[in-house]
Amino acid sequence: MDNSTATLKLASLAQETRLAIFRALVQAGPDGLNPGVLAERLDIAQATLSFHLKELRHAEMIQSRQEGRFIFYSANFSAMNALLGFLTENCCSESGAGCTPDLHCEQEDA
């Protein structure tokens, strides 16, 4: 990952509503949530939710899948883990001190 990509991903999360959406999708796991449930759970208007989902998709922090008439959104766990890896890849390299353990979420293959 390069600085430009990391900046795009971080910027997509640097807004209160988008961060709440992303965290709700992380909690939901690989199955994700449909927009109706997400809007109700977070008390967000559909139009507002749609705007923020678009921003998160543009940054590739979330993904969507169609099931019949319904769309489900889920966190892009591989993008999240890549961003965390990028942010910590040089952790403590100067001091030699230990860093926190490598924490990665596992996503089942679809």
PDB file of N, CA and C in Angstrom:
ATOM      1  N   MET A   1       0.857  -1.165   0.000  1.00  0.00           N
ATOM      2  CA  MET A   1       0.000   0.000   0.000  1.00  0.00           C
ATOM      3  C   MET A   1       0.907   1.232   0.000  1.00  0.00           C
ATOM      4  N   ASP A   2       0.506   2.236  -0.740  1.00  0.00           N
ATOM      5  CA  ASP A   2       1.287   3.479  -0.772  1.00  0.00           C
ATOM      6  C   ASP A   2       0.574   4.556   0.051  1.00  0.00           C
ATOM      7  N   ASN A   3       1.251   5.669   0.245  1.00  0.00           N
ATOM      8  CA  ASN A   3       0.702   6.759   1.059  1.00  0.00           C
ATOM      9  C   ASN A   3      -0.619   7.287   0.508  1.00  0.00           C
ATOM     10  N   SER A   4      -0.737   7.396  -0.806  1.00  0.00           N
ATOM     11  CA  SER A   4      -1.948   7.925  -1.431  1.00  0.00           C
ATOM     12  C   SER A   4      -3.159   7.035  -1.130  1.00  0.00           C
ATOM     13  N   THR A   5      -2.974   5.729  -1.267  1.00  0.00           N
ATOM     14  CA  THR A   5      -4.056   4.786  -0.985  1.00  0.00           C
ATOM     15  C   THR A   5      -4.432   4.817   0.488  1.00  0.00           C
ATOM     16  N   ALA A   6      -3.434   4.840   1.350  1.00  0.00           N
ATOM     17  CA  ALA A   6      -3.689   4.891   2.794  1.00  0.00           C
ATOM     18  C   ALA A   6      -4.443   6.173   3.153  1.00  0.00           C
ATOM     19  N   THR A   7      -4.049   7.280   2.553  1.00  0.00           N
ATOM     20  CA  THR A   7      -4.717   8.555   2.830  1.00  0.00           C
ATOM     21  C   THR A   7      -6.183   8.504   2.420  1.00  0.00           C
ATOM     22  N   LEU A   8      -6.475   7.919   1.257  1.00  0.00           N
ATOM     23  CA  LEU A   8      -7.861   7.785   0.792  1.00  0.00           C
ATOM     24  C   LEU A   8      -8.675   6.950   1.774  1.00  0.00           C
ATOM     25  N   LYS A   9      -8.121   5.842   2.211  1.00  0.00           N
ATOM     26  CA  LYS A   9      -8.833   4.959   3.133  1.00  0.00           C
ATOM     27  C   LYS A   9      -9.049   5.634   4.487  1.00  0.00           C
ATOM     28  N   LEU A  10      -8.016   6.277   5.002  1.00  0.00           N
ATOM     29  CA  LEU A  10      -8.158   6.977   6.282  1.00  0.00           C
ATOM     30  C   LEU A  10      -9.148   8.131   6.184  1.00  0.00           C
ATOM     31  N   ALA A  11      -9.113   8.858   5.081  1.00  0.00           N
ATOM     32  CA  ALA A  11     -10.046   9.984   4.893  1.00  0.00           C
ATOM     33  C   ALA A  11     -11.486   9.497   4.866  1.00  0.00           C
ATOM     34  N   SER A  12     -11.721   8.313   4.302  1.00  0.00           N
ATOM     35  CA  SER A  12     -13.091   7.797   4.257  1.00  0.00           C
ATOM     36  C   SER A  12     -13.621   7.488   5.653  1.00  0.00           C
ATOM     37  N   LEU A  13     -12.737   7.213   6.590  1.00  0.00           N
ATOM     38  CA  LEU A  13     -13.140   6.903   7.959  1.00  0.00           C
ATOM     39  C   LEU A  13     -13.101   8.118   8.884  1.00  0.00           C
ATOM     40  N   ALA A  14     -12.575   9.231   8.379  1.00  0.00           N
ATOM     41  CA  ALA A  14     -12.379  10.430   9.205  1.00  0.00           C
ATOM     42  C   ALA A  14     -13.617  11.312   9.229  1.00  0.00           C
ATOM     43  N   GLN A  15     -14.766  10.686   9.360  1.00  0.00           N
ATOM     44  CA  GLN A  15     -16.037  11.399   9.443  1.00  0.00           C
ATOM     45  C   GLN A  15     -16.916  10.562  10.361  1.00  0.00           C
ATOM     46  N   GLU A  16     -17.568  11.182  11.299  1.00  0.00           N
ATOM     47  CA  GLU A  16     -18.274  10.475  12.362  1.00  0.00           C
ATOM     48  C   GLU A  16     -19.297   9.453  11.859  1.00  0.00           C
ATOM     49  N   THR A  17     -20.126   9.834  10.904  1.00  0.00           N
ATOM     50  CA  THR A  17     -21.156   8.921  10.402  1.00  0.00           C
ATOM     51  C   THR A  17     -20.531   7.748   9.663  1.00  0.00           C
ATOM     52  N   ARG A  18     -19.537   8.022   8.808  1.00  0.00           N
ATOM     53  CA  ARG A  18     -18.885   6.930   8.066  1.00  0.00           C
ATOM     54  C   ARG A  18     -18.160   5.981   9.014  1.00  0.00           C
ATOM     55  N   LEU A  19     -17.548   6.513  10.049  1.00  0.00           N
ATOM     56  CA  LEU A  19     -16.877   5.656  11.018  1.00  0.00           C
ATOM     57  C   LEU A  19     -17.897   4.765  11.730  1.00  0.00           C
ATOM     58  N   ALA A  20     -19.040   5.317  12.086  1.00  0.00           N
ATOM     59  CA  ALA A  20     -20.100   4.530  12.733  1.00  0.00           C
ATOM     60  C   ALA A  20     -20.610   3.435  11.799  1.00  0.00           C
ATOM     61  N   ILE A  21     -20.783   3.759  10.532  1.00  0.00           N
ATOM     62  CA  ILE A  21     -21.223   2.769   9.541  1.00  0.00           C
ATOM     63  C   ILE A  21     -20.189   1.660   9.436  1.00  0.00           C
ATOM     64  N   PHE A  22     -18.929   2.040   9.284  1.00  0.00           N
ATOM     65  CA  PHE A  22     -17.875   1.047   9.131  1.00  0.00           C
ATOM     66  C   PHE A  22     -17.801   0.138  10.363  1.00  0.00           C
ATOM     67  N   ARG A  23     -17.865   0.721  11.542  1.00  0.00           N
ATOM     68  CA  ARG A  23     -17.794  -0.081  12.778  1.00  0.00           C
ATOM     69  C   ARG A  23     -18.988  -1.032  12.893  1.00  0.00           C
ATOM     70  N   ALA A  24     -20.176  -0.581  12.484  1.00  0.00           N
ATOM     71  CA  ALA A  24     -21.347  -1.458  12.503  1.00  0.00           C
ATOM     72  C   ALA A  24     -21.164  -2.623  11.539  1.00  0.00           C
ATOM     73  N   LEU A  25     -20.563  -2.349  10.388  1.00  0.00           N
ATOM     74  CA  LEU A  25     -20.338  -3.415   9.412  1.00  0.00           C
ATOM     75  C   LEU A  25     -19.246  -4.374   9.877  1.00  0.00           C
ATOM     76  N   VAL A  26     -18.247  -3.865  10.568  1.00  0.00           N
ATOM     77  CA  VAL A  26     -17.223  -4.744  11.139  1.00  0.00           C
ATOM     78  C   VAL A  26     -17.874  -5.671  12.166  1.00  0.00           C
ATOM     79  N   GLN A  27     -18.740  -5.118  13.005  1.00  0.00           N
ATOM     80  CA  GLN A  27     -19.448  -5.918  14.010  1.00  0.00           C
ATOM     81  C   GLN A  27     -20.322  -6.978  13.362  1.00  0.00           C
ATOM     82  N   ALA A  28     -20.939  -6.641  12.237  1.00  0.00           N
ATOM     83  CA  ALA A  28     -21.845  -7.568  11.564  1.00  0.00           C
ATOM     84  C   ALA A  28     -21.095  -8.741  10.943  1.00  0.00           C
ATOM     85  N   GLY A  29     -19.812  -8.571  10.689  1.00  0.00           N
ATOM     86  CA  GLY A  29     -19.025  -9.661  10.107  1.00  0.00           C
ATOM     87  C   GLY A  29     -19.224  -9.777   8.612  1.00  0.00           C
ATOM     88  N   PRO A  30     -18.760 -10.887   8.041  1.00  0.00           N
ATOM     89  CA  PRO A  30     -18.781 -11.064   6.582  1.00  0.00           C
ATOM     90  C   PRO A  30     -20.179 -11.045   5.956  1.00  0.00           C
ATOM     91  N   ASP A  31     -21.207 -11.393   6.730  1.00  0.00           N
ATOM     92  CA  ASP A  31     -22.570 -11.392   6.181  1.00  0.00           C
ATOM     93  C   ASP A  31     -23.066  -9.978   5.909  1.00  0.00           C
ATOM     94  N   GLY A  32     -22.575  -9.005   6.675  1.00  0.00           N
ATOM     95  CA  GLY A  32     -22.946  -7.612   6.462  1.00  0.00           C
ATOM     96  C   GLY A  32     -24.367  -7.306   6.860  1.00  0.00           C
ATOM     97  N   LEU A  33     -24.826  -6.151   6.398  1.00  0.00           N
ATOM     98  CA  LEU A  33     -26.175  -5.668   6.693  1.00  0.00           C
ATOM     99  C   LEU A  33     -26.768  -5.021   5.456  1.00  0.00           C
ATOM    100  N   ASN A  34     -28.085  -5.066   5.344  1.00  0.00           N
ATOM    101  CA  ASN A  34     -28.706  -4.330   4.249  1.00  0.00           C
ATOM    102  C   ASN A  34     -28.915  -2.893   4.691  1.00  0.00           C
ATOM    103  N   PRO A  35     -29.059  -1.971   3.744  1.00  0.00           N
ATOM    104  CA  PRO A  35     -29.155  -0.551   4.099  1.00  0.00           C
ATOM    105  C   PRO A  35     -30.310  -0.216   5.041  1.00  0.00           C
ATOM    106  N   GLY A  36     -31.422  -0.905   4.909  1.00  0.00           N
ATOM    107  CA  GLY A  36     -32.559  -0.630   5.790  1.00  0.00           C
ATOM    108  C   GLY A  36     -32.225  -0.899   7.245  1.00  0.00           C
ATOM    109  N   VAL A  37     -31.605  -2.033   7.501  1.00  0.00           N
ATOM    110  CA  VAL A  37     -31.214  -2.395   8.868  1.00  0.00           C
ATOM    111  C   VAL A  37     -30.142  -1.436   9.371  1.00  0.00           C
ATOM    112  N   LEU A  38     -29.182  -1.137   8.512  1.00  0.00           N
ATOM    113  CA  LEU A  38     -28.094  -0.229   8.884  1.00  0.00           C
ATOM    114  C   LEU A  38     -28.632   1.161   9.228  1.00  0.00           C
ATOM    115  N   ALA A  39     -29.538   1.680   8.403  1.00  0.00           N
ATOM    116  CA  ALA A  39     -30.125   3.004   8.647  1.00  0.00           C
ATOM    117  C   ALA A  39     -30.902   3.024   9.954  1.00  0.00           C
ATOM    118  N   GLU A  40     -31.659   1.966  10.206  1.00  0.00           N
ATOM    119  CA  GLU A  40     -32.449   1.896  11.440  1.00  0.00           C
ATOM    120  C   GLU A  40     -31.540   1.768  12.657  1.00  0.00           C
ATOM    121  N   ARG A  41     -30.547   0.907  12.551  1.00  0.00           N
ATOM    122  CA  ARG A  41     -29.639   0.672  13.685  1.00  0.00           C
ATOM    123  C   ARG A  41     -28.872   1.935  14.076  1.00  0.00           C
ATOM    124  N   LEU A  42     -28.470   2.724  13.067  1.00  0.00           N
ATOM    125  CA  LEU A  42     -27.672   3.921  13.326  1.00  0.00           C
ATOM    126  C   LEU A  42     -28.492   5.213  13.335  1.00  0.00           C
ATOM    127  N   ASP A  43     -29.798   5.076  13.096  1.00  0.00           N
ATOM    128  CA  ASP A  43     -30.705   6.229  13.053  1.00  0.00           C
ATOM    129  C   ASP A  43     -30.202   7.275  12.044  1.00  0.00           C
ATOM    130  N   ILE A  44     -30.006   6.804  10.805  1.00  0.00           N
ATOM    131  CA  ILE A  44     -29.515   7.645   9.702  1.00  0.00           C
ATOM    132  C   ILE A  44     -30.561   7.630   8.591  1.00  0.00           C
ATOM    133  N   ALA A  45     -30.829   8.781   8.010  1.00  0.00           N
ATOM    134  CA  ALA A  45     -31.752   8.857   6.873  1.00  0.00           C
ATOM    135  C   ALA A  45     -31.170   8.080   5.695  1.00  0.00           C
ATOM    136  N   GLN A  46     -32.031   7.470   4.896  1.00  0.00           N
ATOM    137  CA  GLN A  46     -31.589   6.659   3.757  1.00  0.00           C
ATOM    138  C   GLN A  46     -30.689   7.443   2.800  1.00  0.00           C
ATOM    139  N   ALA A  47     -31.051   8.685   2.495  1.00  0.00           N
ATOM    140  CA  ALA A  47     -30.246   9.482   1.560  1.00  0.00           C
ATOM    141  C   ALA A  47     -28.853   9.752   2.126  1.00  0.00           C
ATOM    142  N   THR A  48     -28.800  10.036   3.403  1.00  0.00           N
ATOM    143  CA  THR A  48     -27.511  10.269   4.065  1.00  0.00           C
ATOM    144  C   THR A  48     -26.683   8.996   4.068  1.00  0.00           C
ATOM    145  N   LEU A  49     -27.321   7.879   4.395  1.00  0.00           N
ATOM    146  CA  LEU A  49     -26.633   6.593   4.401  1.00  0.00           C
ATOM    147  C   LEU A  49     -26.070   6.270   3.028  1.00  0.00           C
ATOM    148  N   SER A  50     -26.863   6.481   1.999  1.00  0.00           N
ATOM    149  CA  SER A  50     -26.431   6.207   0.633  1.00  0.00           C
ATOM    150  C   SER A  50     -25.177   7.003   0.270  1.00  0.00           C
ATOM    151  N   PHE A  51     -25.151   8.265   0.626  1.00  0.00           N
ATOM    152  CA  PHE A  51     -23.998   9.115   0.356  1.00  0.00           C
ATOM    153  C   PHE A  51     -22.744   8.555   1.040  1.00  0.00           C
ATOM    154  N   HIS A  52     -22.870   8.199   2.309  1.00  0.00           N
ATOM    155  CA  HIS A  52     -21.716   7.715   3.061  1.00  0.00           C
ATOM    156  C   HIS A  52     -21.268   6.325   2.602  1.00  0.00           C
ATOM    157  N   LEU A  53     -22.210   5.480   2.232  1.00  0.00           N
ATOM    158  CA  LEU A  53     -21.843   4.167   1.685  1.00  0.00           C
ATOM    159  C   LEU A  53     -21.039   4.329   0.399  1.00  0.00           C
ATOM    160  N   LYS A  54     -21.441   5.300  -0.423  1.00  0.00           N
ATOM    161  CA  LYS A  54     -20.716   5.556  -1.674  1.00  0.00           C
ATOM    162  C   LYS A  54     -19.276   5.963  -1.384  1.00  0.00           C
ATOM    163  N   GLU A  55     -19.074   6.807  -0.389  1.00  0.00           N
ATOM    164  CA  GLU A  55     -17.724   7.247  -0.032  1.00  0.00           C
ATOM    165  C   GLU A  55     -16.871   6.082   0.479  1.00  0.00           C
ATOM    166  N   LEU A  56     -17.459   5.241   1.293  1.00  0.00           N
ATOM    167  CA  LEU A  56     -16.723   4.085   1.813  1.00  0.00           C
ATOM    168  C   LEU A  56     -16.412   3.072   0.714  1.00  0.00           C
ATOM    169  N   ARG A  57     -17.333   2.904  -0.223  1.00  0.00           N
ATOM    170  CA  ARG A  57     -17.074   1.995  -1.359  1.00  0.00           C
ATOM    171  C   ARG A  57     -15.986   2.553  -2.254  1.00  0.00           C
ATOM    172  N   HIS A  58     -15.990   3.862  -2.490  1.00  0.00           N
ATOM    173  CA  HIS A  58     -14.961   4.493  -3.319  1.00  0.00           C
ATOM    174  C   HIS A  58     -13.565   4.239  -2.731  1.00  0.00           C
ATOM    175  N   ALA A  59     -13.458   4.249  -1.421  1.00  0.00           N
ATOM    176  CA  ALA A  59     -12.183   3.999  -0.749  1.00  0.00           C
ATOM    177  C   ALA A  59     -11.907   2.502  -0.590  1.00  0.00           C
ATOM    178  N   GLU A  60     -12.843   1.675  -1.030  1.00  0.00           N
ATOM    179  CA  GLU A  60     -12.752   0.214  -0.952  1.00  0.00           C
ATOM    180  C   GLU A  60     -12.665  -0.304   0.478  1.00  0.00           C
ATOM    181  N   MET A  61     -13.289   0.438   1.395  1.00  0.00           N
ATOM    182  CA  MET A  61     -13.332  -0.004   2.787  1.00  0.00           C
ATOM    183  C   MET A  61     -14.539  -0.905   3.047  1.00  0.00           C
ATOM    184  N   ILE A  62     -15.531  -0.861   2.159  1.00  0.00           N
ATOM    185  CA  ILE A  62     -16.675  -1.761   2.256  1.00  0.00           C
ATOM    186  C   ILE A  62     -16.917  -2.361   0.884  1.00  0.00           C
ATOM    187  N   GLN A  63     -17.691  -3.422   0.872  1.00  0.00           N
ATOM    188  CA  GLN A  63     -18.083  -4.055  -0.391  1.00  0.00           C
ATOM    189  C   GLN A  63     -19.572  -4.366  -0.329  1.00  0.00           C
ATOM    190  N   SER A  64     -20.149  -4.608  -1.474  1.00  0.00           N
ATOM    191  CA  SER A  64     -21.576  -4.915  -1.530  1.00  0.00           C
ATOM    192  C   SER A  64     -21.794  -6.180  -2.334  1.00  0.00           C
ATOM    193  N   ARG A  65     -22.911  -6.823  -2.049  1.00  0.00           N
ATOM    194  CA  ARG A  65     -23.317  -7.985  -2.833  1.00  0.00           C
ATOM    195  C   ARG A  65     -24.842  -7.964  -2.953  1.00  0.00           C
ATOM    196  N   GLN A  66     -25.320  -8.453  -4.051  1.00  0.00           N
ATOM    197  CA  GLN A  66     -26.750  -8.497  -4.327  1.00  0.00           C
ATOM    198  C   GLN A  66     -27.269  -9.890  -4.000  1.00  0.00           C
ATOM    199  N   GLU A  67     -28.351  -9.948  -3.270  1.00  0.00           N
ATOM    200  CA  GLU A  67     -29.058 -11.202  -2.993  1.00  0.00           C
ATOM    201  C   GLU A  67     -30.517 -10.971  -3.334  1.00  0.00           C
ATOM    202  N   GLY A  68     -30.921 -11.427  -4.492  1.00  0.00           N
ATOM    203  CA  GLY A  68     -32.287 -11.181  -4.953  1.00  0.00           C
ATOM    204  C   GLY A  68     -32.503  -9.690  -5.138  1.00  0.00           C
ATOM    205  N   ARG A  69     -33.515  -9.158  -4.469  1.00  0.00           N
ATOM    206  CA  ARG A  69     -33.801  -7.729  -4.556  1.00  0.00           C
ATOM    207  C   ARG A  69     -32.983  -6.904  -3.577  1.00  0.00           C
ATOM    208  N   PHE A  70     -32.247  -7.552  -2.708  1.00  0.00           N
ATOM    209  CA  PHE A  70     -31.573  -6.851  -1.619  1.00  0.00           C
ATOM    210  C   PHE A  70     -30.072  -6.717  -1.860  1.00  0.00           C
ATOM    211  N   ILE A  71     -29.529  -5.615  -1.375  1.00  0.00           N
ATOM    212  CA  ILE A  71     -28.085  -5.382  -1.384  1.00  0.00           C
ATOM    213  C   ILE A  71     -27.620  -5.455   0.056  1.00  0.00           C
ATOM    214  N   PHE A  72     -26.518  -6.139   0.258  1.00  0.00           N
ATOM    215  CA  PHE A  72     -25.905  -6.223   1.580  1.00  0.00           C
ATOM    216  C   PHE A  72     -24.519  -5.612   1.508  1.00  0.00           C
ATOM    217  N   TYR A  73     -24.191  -4.804   2.496  1.00  0.00           N
ATOM    218  CA  TYR A  73     -22.876  -4.182   2.594  1.00  0.00           C
ATOM    219  C   TYR A  73     -22.114  -4.844   3.729  1.00  0.00           C
ATOM    220  N   SER A  74     -20.820  -5.035   3.512  1.00  0.00           N
ATOM    221  CA  SER A  74     -19.966  -5.602   4.554  1.00  0.00           C
ATOM    222  C   SER A  74     -18.626  -4.881   4.534  1.00  0.00           C
ATOM    223  N   ALA A  75     -17.954  -4.935   5.681  1.00  0.00           N
ATOM    224  CA  ALA A  75     -16.618  -4.357   5.769  1.00  0.00           C
ATOM    225  C   ALA A  75     -15.682  -5.156   4.867  1.00  0.00           C
ATOM    226  N   ASN A  76     -14.763  -4.473   4.237  1.00  0.00           N
ATOM    227  CA  ASN A  76     -13.726  -5.130   3.435  1.00  0.00           C
ATOM    228  C   ASN A  76     -12.574  -5.427   4.399  1.00  0.00           C
ATOM    229  N   PHE A  77     -12.605  -6.617   4.989  1.00  0.00           N
ATOM    230  CA  PHE A  77     -11.638  -6.971   6.020  1.00  0.00           C
ATOM    231  C   PHE A  77     -10.211  -7.015   5.493  1.00  0.00           C
ATOM    232  N   SER A  78     -10.029  -7.418   4.254  1.00  0.00           N
ATOM    233  CA  SER A  78      -8.664  -7.444   3.714  1.00  0.00           C
ATOM    234  C   SER A  78      -8.122  -6.024   3.551  1.00  0.00           C
ATOM    235  N   ALA A  79      -8.964  -5.077   3.152  1.00  0.00           N
ATOM    236  CA  ALA A  79      -8.527  -3.678   3.048  1.00  0.00           C
ATOM    237  C   ALA A  79      -8.235  -3.108   4.434  1.00  0.00           C
ATOM    238  N   MET A  80      -9.073  -3.452   5.408  1.00  0.00           N
ATOM    239  CA  MET A  80      -8.862  -2.984   6.774  1.00  0.00           C
ATOM    240  C   MET A  80      -7.537  -3.519   7.313  1.00  0.00           C
ATOM    241  N   ASN A  81      -7.286  -4.811   7.119  1.00  0.00           N
ATOM    242  CA  ASN A  81      -6.043  -5.405   7.608  1.00  0.00           C
ATOM    243  C   ASN A  81      -4.832  -4.848   6.880  1.00  0.00           C
ATOM    244  N   ALA A  82      -4.960  -4.579   5.576  1.00  0.00           N
ATOM    245  CA  ALA A  82      -3.848  -3.990   4.828  1.00  0.00           C
ATOM    246  C   ALA A  82      -3.528  -2.593   5.349  1.00  0.00           C
ATOM    247  N   LEU A  83      -4.575  -1.822   5.662  1.00  0.00           N
ATOM    248  CA  LEU A  83      -4.369  -0.482   6.205  1.00  0.00           C
ATOM    249  C   LEU A  83      -3.694  -0.558   7.577  1.00  0.00           C
ATOM    250  N   LEU A  84      -4.161  -1.451   8.425  1.00  0.00           N
ATOM    251  CA  LEU A  84      -3.533  -1.626   9.742  1.00  0.00           C
ATOM    252  C   LEU A  84      -2.075  -2.061   9.592  1.00  0.00           C
ATOM    253  N   GLY A  85      -1.820  -2.945   8.647  1.00  0.00           N
ATOM    254  CA  GLY A  85      -0.448  -3.379   8.389  1.00  0.00           C
ATOM    255  C   GLY A  85       0.424  -2.237   7.914  1.00  0.00           C
ATOM    256  N   PHE A  86      -0.115  -1.415   7.024  1.00  0.00           N
ATOM    257  CA  PHE A  86       0.632  -0.260   6.522  1.00  0.00           C
ATOM    258  C   PHE A  86       0.972   0.700   7.663  1.00  0.00           C
ATOM    259  N   LEU A  87       0.006   0.938   8.535  1.00  0.00           N
ATOM    260  CA  LEU A  87       0.210   1.872   9.638  1.00  0.00           C
ATOM    261  C   LEU A  87       1.224   1.367  10.662  1.00  0.00           C
ATOM    262  N   THR A  88       1.370   0.064  10.758  1.00  0.00           N
ATOM    263  CA  THR A  88       2.249  -0.498  11.786  1.00  0.00           C
ATOM    264  C   THR A  88       3.471  -1.220  11.224  1.00  0.00           C
ATOM    265  N   GLU A  89       3.706  -1.147   9.922  1.00  0.00           N
ATOM    266  CA  GLU A  89       4.773  -1.949   9.332  1.00  0.00           C
ATOM    267  C   GLU A  89       6.165  -1.606   9.855  1.00  0.00           C
ATOM    268  N   ASN A  90       6.394  -0.398  10.292  1.00  0.00           N
ATOM    269  CA  ASN A  90       7.703  -0.022  10.819  1.00  0.00           C
ATOM    270  C   ASN A  90       7.654   0.198  12.326  1.00  0.00           C
ATOM    271  N   CYS A  91       6.696  -0.419  12.964  1.00  0.00           N
ATOM    272  CA  CYS A  91       6.488  -0.229  14.400  1.00  0.00           C
ATOM    273  C   CYS A  91       7.743  -0.595  15.189  1.00  0.00           C
ATOM    274  N   CYS A  92       8.219   0.343  15.946  1.00  0.00           N
ATOM    275  CA  CYS A  92       9.346   0.148  16.875  1.00  0.00           C
ATOM    276  C   CYS A  92      10.634  -0.281  16.188  1.00  0.00           C
ATOM    277  N   SER A  93      10.775  -0.051  14.893  1.00  0.00           N
ATOM    278  CA  SER A  93      11.973  -0.498  14.182  1.00  0.00           C
ATOM    279  C   SER A  93      13.216   0.246  14.645  1.00  0.00           C
ATOM    280  N   GLU A  94      13.038   1.449  15.161  1.00  0.00           N
ATOM    281  CA  GLU A  94      14.185   2.231  15.624  1.00  0.00           C
ATOM    282  C   GLU A  94      14.623   1.823  17.026  1.00  0.00           C
ATOM    283  N   SER A  95      13.669   1.552  17.893  1.00  0.00           N
ATOM    284  CA  SER A  95      14.016   1.319  19.293  1.00  0.00           C
ATOM    285  C   SER A  95      14.292  -0.142  19.621  1.00  0.00           C
ATOM    286  N   GLY A  96      13.784  -1.037  18.809  1.00  0.00           N
ATOM    287  CA  GLY A  96      13.944  -2.460  19.099  1.00  0.00           C
ATOM    288  C   GLY A  96      12.965  -2.971  20.137  1.00  0.00           C
ATOM    289  N   ALA A  97      12.133  -2.088  20.677  1.00  0.00           N
ATOM    290  CA  ALA A  97      11.126  -2.504  21.663  1.00  0.00           C
ATOM    291  C   ALA A  97      10.015  -3.280  20.963  1.00  0.00           C
ATOM    292  N   GLY A  98       9.333  -4.098  21.710  1.00  0.00           N
ATOM    293  CA  GLY A  98       8.247  -4.894  21.137  1.00  0.00           C
ATOM    294  C   GLY A  98       7.021  -4.061  20.852  1.00  0.00           C
ATOM    295  N   CYS A  99       6.332  -4.421  19.815  1.00  0.00           N
ATOM    296  CA  CYS A  99       5.072  -3.765  19.457  1.00  0.00           C
ATOM    297  C   CYS A  99       3.912  -4.629  19.912  1.00  0.00           C
ATOM    298  N   THR A 100       2.728  -4.077  19.839  1.00  0.00           N
ATOM    299  CA  THR A 100       1.545  -4.849  20.170  1.00  0.00           C
ATOM    300  C   THR A 100       1.406  -5.998  19.185  1.00  0.00           C
ATOM    301  N   PRO A 101       0.760  -7.070  19.584  1.00  0.00           N
ATOM    302  CA  PRO A 101       0.626  -8.219  18.693  1.00  0.00           C
ATOM    303  C   PRO A 101      -0.130  -7.859  17.423  1.00  0.00           C
ATOM    304  N   ASP A 102       0.111  -8.629  16.404  1.00  0.00           N
ATOM    305  CA  ASP A 102      -0.518  -8.460  15.106  1.00  0.00           C
ATOM    306  C   ASP A 102      -1.972  -8.890  15.223  1.00  0.00           C
ATOM    307  N   LEU A 103      -2.912  -7.958  15.142  1.00  0.00           N
ATOM    308  CA  LEU A 103      -4.340  -8.263  15.265  1.00  0.00           C
ATOM    309  C   LEU A 103      -4.981  -8.205  13.895  1.00  0.00           C
ATOM    310  N   HIS A 104      -5.516  -9.322  13.439  1.00  0.00           N
ATOM    311  CA  HIS A 104      -6.170  -9.369  12.135  1.00  0.00           C
ATOM    312  C   HIS A 104      -7.521 -10.035  12.292  1.00  0.00           C
ATOM    313  N   CYS A 105      -8.488  -9.484  11.618  1.00  0.00           N
ATOM    314  CA  CYS A 105      -9.803 -10.116  11.562  1.00  0.00           C
ATOM    315  C   CYS A 105      -9.780 -11.139  10.451  1.00  0.00           C
ATOM    316  N   GLU A 106     -10.407 -12.218  10.680  1.00  0.00           N
ATOM    317  CA  GLU A 106     -10.492 -13.266   9.659  1.00  0.00           C
ATOM    318  C   GLU A 106     -11.817 -13.117   8.940  1.00  0.00           C
ATOM    319  N   GLN A 107     -11.767 -13.275   7.629  1.00  0.00           N
ATOM    320  CA  GLN A 107     -12.986 -13.216   6.832  1.00  0.00           C
ATOM    321  C   GLN A 107     -13.106 -14.538   6.115  1.00  0.00           C
ATOM    322  N   GLU A 108     -14.288 -15.125   6.191  1.00  0.00           N
ATOM    323  CA  GLU A 108     -14.524 -16.368   5.453  1.00  0.00           C
ATOM    324  C   GLU A 108     -14.566 -16.049   3.976  1.00  0.00           C
ATOM    325  N   ASP A 109     -13.999 -16.952   3.178  1.00  0.00           N
ATOM    326  CA  ASP A 109     -14.052 -16.768   1.732  1.00  0.00           C
ATOM    327  C   ASP A 109     -15.468 -16.964   1.251  1.00  0.00           C
ATOM    328  N   ALA A 110     -15.884 -16.040   0.384  1.00  0.00           N
ATOM    329  CA  ALA A 110     -17.265 -16.108  -0.121  1.00  0.00           C
ATOM    330  C   ALA A 110     -17.380 -17.130  -1.217  1.00  0.00           C
TER     331      ALA A 110
END
